[in-house]
Amino acid sequence: MNLFWLLPALLAIPAAASDYVEGEFATKLVPKPVPYAVLMPDGAKESATPLPLMLYLHGGGGSRDNLKRVRAFFDEMWKAGSLPKMIVVTPSVTPRCFYMDYPDGSEKWETMLLGPFTEFLQETYRASPDPKLHFVMGASMGGMGGLRMAFKHPEKLAVVIALEPGIEPILHWKDMKPRHRFWRDDSLFETAYGKPVDPLYWEANNPASIALRDARKLNASGLKIYLDVGDDDLFLLNEGTEFLHRVLSDAGVRHEYHLVYGADHVGRTLRPRHLEGLAFLNRILNPPGPDPQVIQTRQQIDPLRKRAGVQ
């Protein structure tokens, strides 16, 4: 089901300088040509150098139209100079595909998005070919897909921003409980993970399992990770997001995590939460530099840490 229609009027598109275009991408990796939407900031066509690329992934049942609904966020920050200009792209995927490669090979969304589709965007819209300037952001199913792709392929994505990702608080399929999946029926899982569900394939595509297995790889890659969820999420996705936060913390994988008090899966909190996620991206791309007070305080405290054996 498409939940973004519940977003408030705050998401209305303002009169802005950005360009919004739509198209289709032909590929044999998925059953049909892929509709997509592109948001280009003012001056993108005249830019002397290619701009960074963001894949903005919609939630379950959504479409490329979701980019229209979040366009105001990018326009607002570009106008204020609080976010670098970039090419933002939303592909329409099948309603509940999880942005996965299916085990039967019938749909290969992960392969398509990080391969020929990205290459197409570079050639057609002059998006940067540098993977250090490739980002992924998504909510709900889009958050899940973004985490999976970034964790499996950190060499292809520099930043992942996952808002209320559709993930479960478990590492193994055998631990799945009704409360983790009450809105997802058996056929959905069997389409994505095999019929019957292949536990190893599920684990190989579960963000928490990937993070635990490949923590060293994630740290070495420099992937920047942002997690967000409301503490009153109607799908209980706060449990899965909190679990992933703990897995990452215990494994020593740096990330930023926001548990938003009183926030649900839909409604008025999504606007400020999107803006905070984009502000994180801006801090990554425009780091503030050394903090003199931090440097001075650490010089005082570091000898105590060293004597206590604190790394």
Protein backbone atom coordinates (compact mmCIF):
# COMPACT_ATOMS: atom_id res chain seq x y z
CA MET A 1 0.00 0.00 0.00
CA ASN A 2 1.17 3.53 -0.78
CA LEU A 3 1.35 5.51 2.46
CA PHE A 4 2.81 8.73 1.10
CA TRP A 5 -0.58 10.08 0.09
CA LEU A 6 -1.09 10.73 3.79
CA LEU A 7 1.69 13.31 3.89
CA PRO A 8 0.37 16.76 4.84
CA ALA A 9 0.01 19.78 2.64
CA LEU A 10 3.48 20.86 3.71
CA LEU A 11 4.76 18.64 0.91
CA ALA A 12 3.15 20.79 -1.78
CA ILE A 13 5.55 21.72 -4.56
CA PRO A 14 6.57 25.39 -4.44
CA ALA A 15 7.41 27.53 -7.41
CA ALA A 16 11.06 26.56 -7.62
CA ALA A 17 13.96 26.76 -10.04
CA SER A 18 14.57 23.02 -10.12
CA ASP A 19 13.67 21.00 -13.20
CA TYR A 20 11.52 17.88 -12.91
CA VAL A 21 11.53 15.42 -15.80
CA GLU A 22 10.19 11.90 -16.33
CA GLY A 23 11.30 9.05 -18.54
CA GLU A 24 11.58 5.28 -18.92
CA PHE A 25 14.61 3.03 -18.73
CA ALA A 26 14.56 -0.14 -20.84
CA THR A 27 16.27 -3.18 -19.37
CA LYS A 28 15.98 -6.96 -19.45
CA LEU A 29 16.80 -7.19 -15.74
CA VAL A 30 13.17 -6.55 -14.73
CA PRO A 31 9.91 -7.48 -16.46
CA LYS A 32 8.99 -4.03 -17.87
CA PRO A 33 10.65 -0.72 -18.73
CA VAL A 34 11.25 1.28 -15.54
CA PRO A 35 9.51 4.67 -15.23
CA TYR A 36 11.66 7.19 -13.39
CA ALA A 37 11.65 10.84 -12.35
CA VAL A 38 14.65 13.17 -12.15
CA LEU A 39 15.02 16.36 -10.14
CA MET A 40 17.76 18.68 -11.36
CA PRO A 41 18.72 21.84 -9.45
CA ASP A 42 18.94 25.20 -11.10
CA GLY A 43 22.11 25.42 -13.15
CA ALA A 44 22.60 21.64 -13.47
CA LYS A 45 22.54 21.75 -17.26
CA GLU A 46 25.17 24.50 -17.33
CA SER A 47 27.39 22.96 -14.65
CA ALA A 48 30.99 22.54 -15.78
CA THR A 49 31.34 19.33 -13.82
CA PRO A 50 28.95 16.40 -13.24
CA LEU A 51 26.84 16.67 -10.09
CA PRO A 52 26.52 14.10 -7.29
CA LEU A 53 23.82 11.47 -7.71
CA MET A 54 21.14 10.52 -5.19
CA LEU A 55 18.81 7.57 -5.62
CA TYR A 56 15.65 8.46 -3.69
CA LEU A 57 13.76 5.18 -3.20
CA HIS A 58 10.01 5.22 -2.64
CA GLY A 59 8.14 3.03 -0.16
CA GLY A 60 5.96 -0.01 -0.82
CA GLY A 61 3.25 0.70 -3.37
CA GLY A 62 4.79 4.06 -4.27
CA SER A 63 6.15 5.28 -7.57
CA ARG A 64 8.30 7.95 -9.17
CA ASP A 65 5.56 10.42 -8.16
CA ASN A 66 7.01 10.33 -4.66
CA LEU A 67 9.81 12.55 -5.91
CA LYS A 68 7.22 15.26 -6.58
CA ARG A 69 6.13 15.06 -2.97
CA VAL A 70 9.62 15.53 -1.55
CA ARG A 71 10.76 18.01 -4.19
CA ALA A 72 10.09 20.89 -1.81
CA PHE A 73 12.69 19.57 0.64
CA PHE A 74 15.47 19.71 -1.91
CA ASP A 75 14.34 23.05 -3.33
CA GLU A 76 14.21 24.56 0.14
CA MET A 77 17.70 23.43 1.06
CA TRP A 78 19.22 24.30 -2.32
CA LYS A 79 17.74 27.79 -2.08
CA ALA A 80 19.14 28.20 1.42
CA GLY A 81 22.53 26.83 0.39
CA SER A 82 22.29 24.16 3.09
CA LEU A 83 22.64 21.19 0.71
CA PRO A 84 24.99 20.80 -2.27
CA LYS A 85 23.29 20.58 -5.63
CA MET A 86 22.84 17.05 -6.94
CA ILE A 87 20.83 14.96 -9.38
CA VAL A 88 17.98 13.20 -7.52
CA VAL A 89 16.31 10.21 -9.17
CA THR A 90 13.35 8.04 -8.19
CA PRO A 91 12.64 4.86 -10.17
CA SER A 92 9.21 3.22 -10.06
CA VAL A 93 9.66 -0.38 -8.90
CA THR A 94 7.10 -3.16 -8.57
CA PRO A 95 4.89 -2.54 -5.53
CA ARG A 96 6.61 -4.75 -2.95
CA CYS A 97 9.88 -5.84 -4.57
CA PHE A 98 12.11 -4.81 -1.63
CA TYR A 99 14.61 -3.48 -4.26
CA MET A 100 15.99 -7.02 -4.39
CA ASP A 101 17.34 -9.49 -6.88
CA TYR A 102 14.84 -12.36 -6.71
CA PRO A 103 16.36 -15.82 -6.32
CA ASP A 104 14.57 -17.07 -9.45
CA GLY A 105 16.13 -14.27 -11.51
CA SER A 106 12.76 -12.87 -12.63
CA GLU A 107 13.49 -9.41 -11.19
CA LYS A 108 16.95 -8.02 -10.50
CA TRP A 109 16.38 -4.58 -9.00
CA GLU A 110 19.61 -4.36 -7.03
CA THR A 111 21.72 -5.30 -10.04
CA MET A 112 19.81 -2.91 -12.29
CA LEU A 113 19.89 0.11 -9.99
CA LEU A 114 23.57 -0.08 -9.08
CA GLY A 115 24.67 -1.10 -12.58
CA PRO A 116 23.12 -0.11 -15.91
CA PHE A 117 20.63 2.37 -14.43
CA THR A 118 23.37 4.34 -12.67
CA GLU A 119 25.44 4.29 -15.85
CA PHE A 120 22.43 5.54 -17.80
CA LEU A 121 21.99 8.45 -15.38
CA GLN A 122 25.63 9.39 -15.77
CA GLU A 123 25.36 9.42 -19.55
CA THR A 124 21.94 11.07 -19.81
CA TYR A 125 21.87 13.56 -16.92
CA ARG A 126 25.60 14.09 -16.34
CA ALA A 127 25.54 12.56 -12.87
CA SER A 128 28.99 12.05 -11.40
CA PRO A 129 30.69 8.72 -12.14
CA ASP A 130 32.49 8.91 -8.77
CA PRO A 131 30.94 6.41 -6.30
CA LYS A 132 32.05 8.72 -3.47
CA LEU A 133 29.41 11.09 -4.81
CA HIS A 134 26.64 8.49 -5.02
CA PHE A 135 24.03 8.47 -2.25
CA VAL A 136 20.84 6.55 -1.49
CA MET A 137 17.90 7.75 0.58
CA GLY A 138 14.57 6.11 1.16
CA ALA A 139 11.66 5.63 3.53
CA SER A 140 9.99 2.37 4.62
CA MET A 141 10.63 -0.17 1.84
CA GLY A 142 12.96 2.39 0.29
CA GLY A 143 14.89 2.62 3.54
CA MET A 144 15.21 -1.16 3.64
CA GLY A 145 16.39 -1.28 0.03
CA GLY A 146 18.86 1.51 0.56
CA LEU A 147 20.41 -0.19 3.58
CA ARG A 148 20.70 -3.53 1.83
CA MET A 149 22.35 -2.09 -1.27
CA ALA A 150 24.71 0.13 0.69
CA PHE A 151 25.72 -2.63 3.11
CA LYS A 152 26.26 -5.17 0.33
CA HIS A 153 28.03 -2.71 -1.98
CA PRO A 154 29.68 0.03 0.11
CA GLU A 155 32.16 0.56 -2.69
CA LYS A 156 29.32 1.88 -4.87
CA LEU A 157 27.56 4.19 -2.40
CA ALA A 158 29.05 6.76 -0.03
CA VAL A 159 26.01 7.64 2.10
CA VAL A 160 22.80 5.84 3.03
CA ILE A 161 19.91 7.68 4.69
CA ALA A 162 17.25 5.21 5.85
CA LEU A 163 14.03 6.65 7.26
CA GLU A 164 11.74 4.20 9.09
CA PRO A 165 13.24 1.26 7.16
CA GLY A 166 11.06 -1.84 6.76
CA ILE A 167 13.38 -4.21 8.63
CA GLU A 168 12.90 -6.79 11.38
CA PRO A 169 14.69 -7.03 14.77
CA ILE A 170 16.27 -10.42 14.02
CA LEU A 171 19.33 -12.00 12.43
CA HIS A 172 17.83 -15.34 11.37
CA TRP A 173 14.63 -16.21 9.49
CA LYS A 174 13.72 -18.81 12.11
CA ASP A 175 13.28 -16.00 14.65
CA MET A 176 10.64 -14.17 12.60
CA LYS A 177 7.48 -13.57 14.65
CA PRO A 178 3.97 -12.43 13.62
CA ARG A 179 4.56 -8.98 15.15
CA HIS A 180 7.52 -8.51 12.77
CA ARG A 181 5.51 -9.21 9.60
CA PHE A 182 1.78 -8.85 10.27
CA TRP A 183 1.39 -6.58 7.22
CA ARG A 184 3.36 -8.91 4.91
CA ASP A 185 1.81 -12.21 3.79
CA ASP A 186 3.57 -15.47 2.93
CA SER A 187 3.39 -14.90 -0.83
CA LEU A 188 5.32 -11.65 -0.53
CA PHE A 189 8.20 -13.26 1.33
CA GLU A 190 8.17 -16.27 -0.99
CA THR A 191 8.39 -14.05 -4.07
CA ALA A 192 11.42 -12.22 -2.68
CA TYR A 193 13.23 -15.04 -0.86
CA GLY A 194 12.14 -18.28 -2.53
CA LYS A 195 9.26 -20.74 -2.12
CA PRO A 196 9.57 -21.90 0.54
CA VAL A 197 11.64 -19.04 1.96
CA ASP A 198 15.35 -19.83 1.80
CA PRO A 199 16.68 -18.87 5.26
CA LEU A 200 20.21 -18.35 3.96
CA TYR A 201 19.02 -16.11 1.13
CA TRP A 202 16.95 -14.10 3.61
CA GLU A 203 19.97 -13.64 5.90
CA ALA A 204 22.19 -12.71 2.95
CA ASN A 205 19.79 -9.82 2.24
CA ASN A 206 18.92 -8.79 5.80
CA PRO A 207 20.67 -5.48 6.66
CA ALA A 208 21.40 -6.44 10.29
CA SER A 209 22.85 -9.81 9.28
CA ILE A 210 25.00 -8.18 6.60
CA ALA A 211 26.23 -5.54 9.05
CA LEU A 212 27.21 -8.14 11.62
CA ARG A 213 29.00 -10.28 9.05
CA ASP A 214 30.74 -7.43 7.22
CA ALA A 215 31.35 -4.88 9.98
CA ARG A 216 35.04 -4.60 9.16
CA LYS A 217 34.27 -4.08 5.47
CA LEU A 218 31.71 -1.37 6.26
CA ASN A 219 34.14 0.51 8.47
CA ALA A 220 36.95 0.25 5.96
CA SER A 221 34.72 1.55 3.18
CA GLY A 222 33.92 4.80 4.98
CA LEU A 223 30.19 4.36 4.30
CA LYS A 224 28.20 7.00 6.18
CA ILE A 225 24.97 5.65 7.70
CA TYR A 226 21.91 7.54 8.97
CA LEU A 227 18.98 5.77 10.63
CA ASP A 228 15.64 7.32 11.61
CA VAL A 229 12.41 5.93 13.01
CA GLY A 230 9.47 7.08 15.09
CA ASP A 231 9.05 5.50 18.51
CA ASP A 232 5.33 4.97 17.77
CA ASP A 233 5.69 3.44 14.29
CA LEU A 234 2.43 1.70 13.38
CA PHE A 235 4.34 -1.17 11.76
CA LEU A 236 6.62 -1.51 14.81
CA LEU A 237 9.60 -0.63 12.63
CA ASN A 238 11.14 1.11 15.63
CA GLU A 239 11.97 -2.41 16.88
CA GLY A 240 13.87 -3.34 13.72
CA THR A 241 15.65 0.00 13.46
CA GLU A 242 16.64 -0.01 17.11
CA PHE A 243 17.93 -3.56 16.67
CA LEU A 244 20.06 -2.53 13.70
CA HIS A 245 21.39 0.41 15.69
CA ARG A 246 22.48 -1.99 18.45
CA VAL A 247 24.08 -4.38 15.96
CA LEU A 248 26.03 -1.54 14.37
CA SER A 249 27.05 -0.13 17.76
CA ASP A 250 28.21 -3.47 19.13
CA ALA A 251 30.16 -4.13 15.93
CA GLY A 252 31.84 -0.73 16.09
CA VAL A 253 30.25 0.57 12.87
CA ARG A 254 29.86 4.33 13.09
CA HIS A 255 26.45 5.75 12.26
CA GLU A 256 23.88 8.34 13.33
CA TYR A 257 20.58 7.18 14.80
CA HIS A 258 17.41 9.19 15.50
CA LEU A 259 14.56 7.70 17.52
CA VAL A 260 11.90 10.39 17.13
CA TYR A 261 9.66 10.85 20.15
CA GLY A 262 5.95 10.59 19.35
CA ALA A 263 6.51 10.01 15.62
CA ASP A 264 4.58 7.46 13.58
CA HIS A 265 5.15 5.94 10.14
CA VAL A 266 3.14 8.69 8.43
CA GLY A 267 2.06 12.23 9.14
CA ARG A 268 3.53 15.62 9.93
CA THR A 269 6.82 14.39 11.40
CA LEU A 270 8.06 13.19 8.02
CA ARG A 271 8.92 16.67 6.75
CA PRO A 272 11.37 17.59 9.54
CA ARG A 273 12.75 14.04 9.54
CA HIS A 274 13.53 14.24 5.82
CA LEU A 275 15.18 17.61 6.33
CA GLU A 276 17.28 16.25 9.20
CA GLY A 277 18.40 13.34 7.03
CA LEU A 278 19.44 15.76 4.29
CA ALA A 279 21.20 17.93 6.87
CA PHE A 280 23.24 14.85 7.80
CA LEU A 281 24.24 14.48 4.16
CA ASN A 282 25.27 18.14 4.07
CA ARG A 283 27.47 17.66 7.16
CA ILE A 284 29.15 14.71 5.46
CA LEU A 285 29.79 16.65 2.26
CA ASN A 286 30.72 19.89 4.06
CA PRO A 287 32.36 18.85 7.35
CA PRO A 288 32.61 21.71 9.84
CA GLY A 289 36.29 21.16 10.59
CA PRO A 290 38.10 20.85 13.93
CA ASP A 291 36.38 22.11 17.07
CA PRO A 292 38.91 23.98 19.26
CA GLN A 293 37.02 23.22 22.47
CA VAL A 294 36.95 19.50 21.67
CA ILE A 295 40.68 19.51 20.90
CA GLN A 296 41.50 21.27 24.18
CA THR A 297 39.28 18.98 26.26
CA ARG A 298 40.65 15.83 24.66
CA GLN A 299 44.19 16.91 25.41
CA GLN A 300 43.19 17.00 29.07
CA ILE A 301 41.22 13.75 29.11
CA ASP A 302 43.28 11.53 26.80
CA PRO A 303 45.97 10.77 29.42
CA LEU A 304 43.23 9.50 31.76
CA ARG A 305 41.78 7.34 28.98
CA LYS A 306 45.21 5.96 28.16
CA ARG A 307 45.93 5.02 31.78
CA ALA A 308 42.57 3.26 31.96
CA GLY A 309 43.25 1.36 28.74
CA VAL A 310 40.34 3.04 26.93
CA GLN A 311 40.75 2.91 23.15
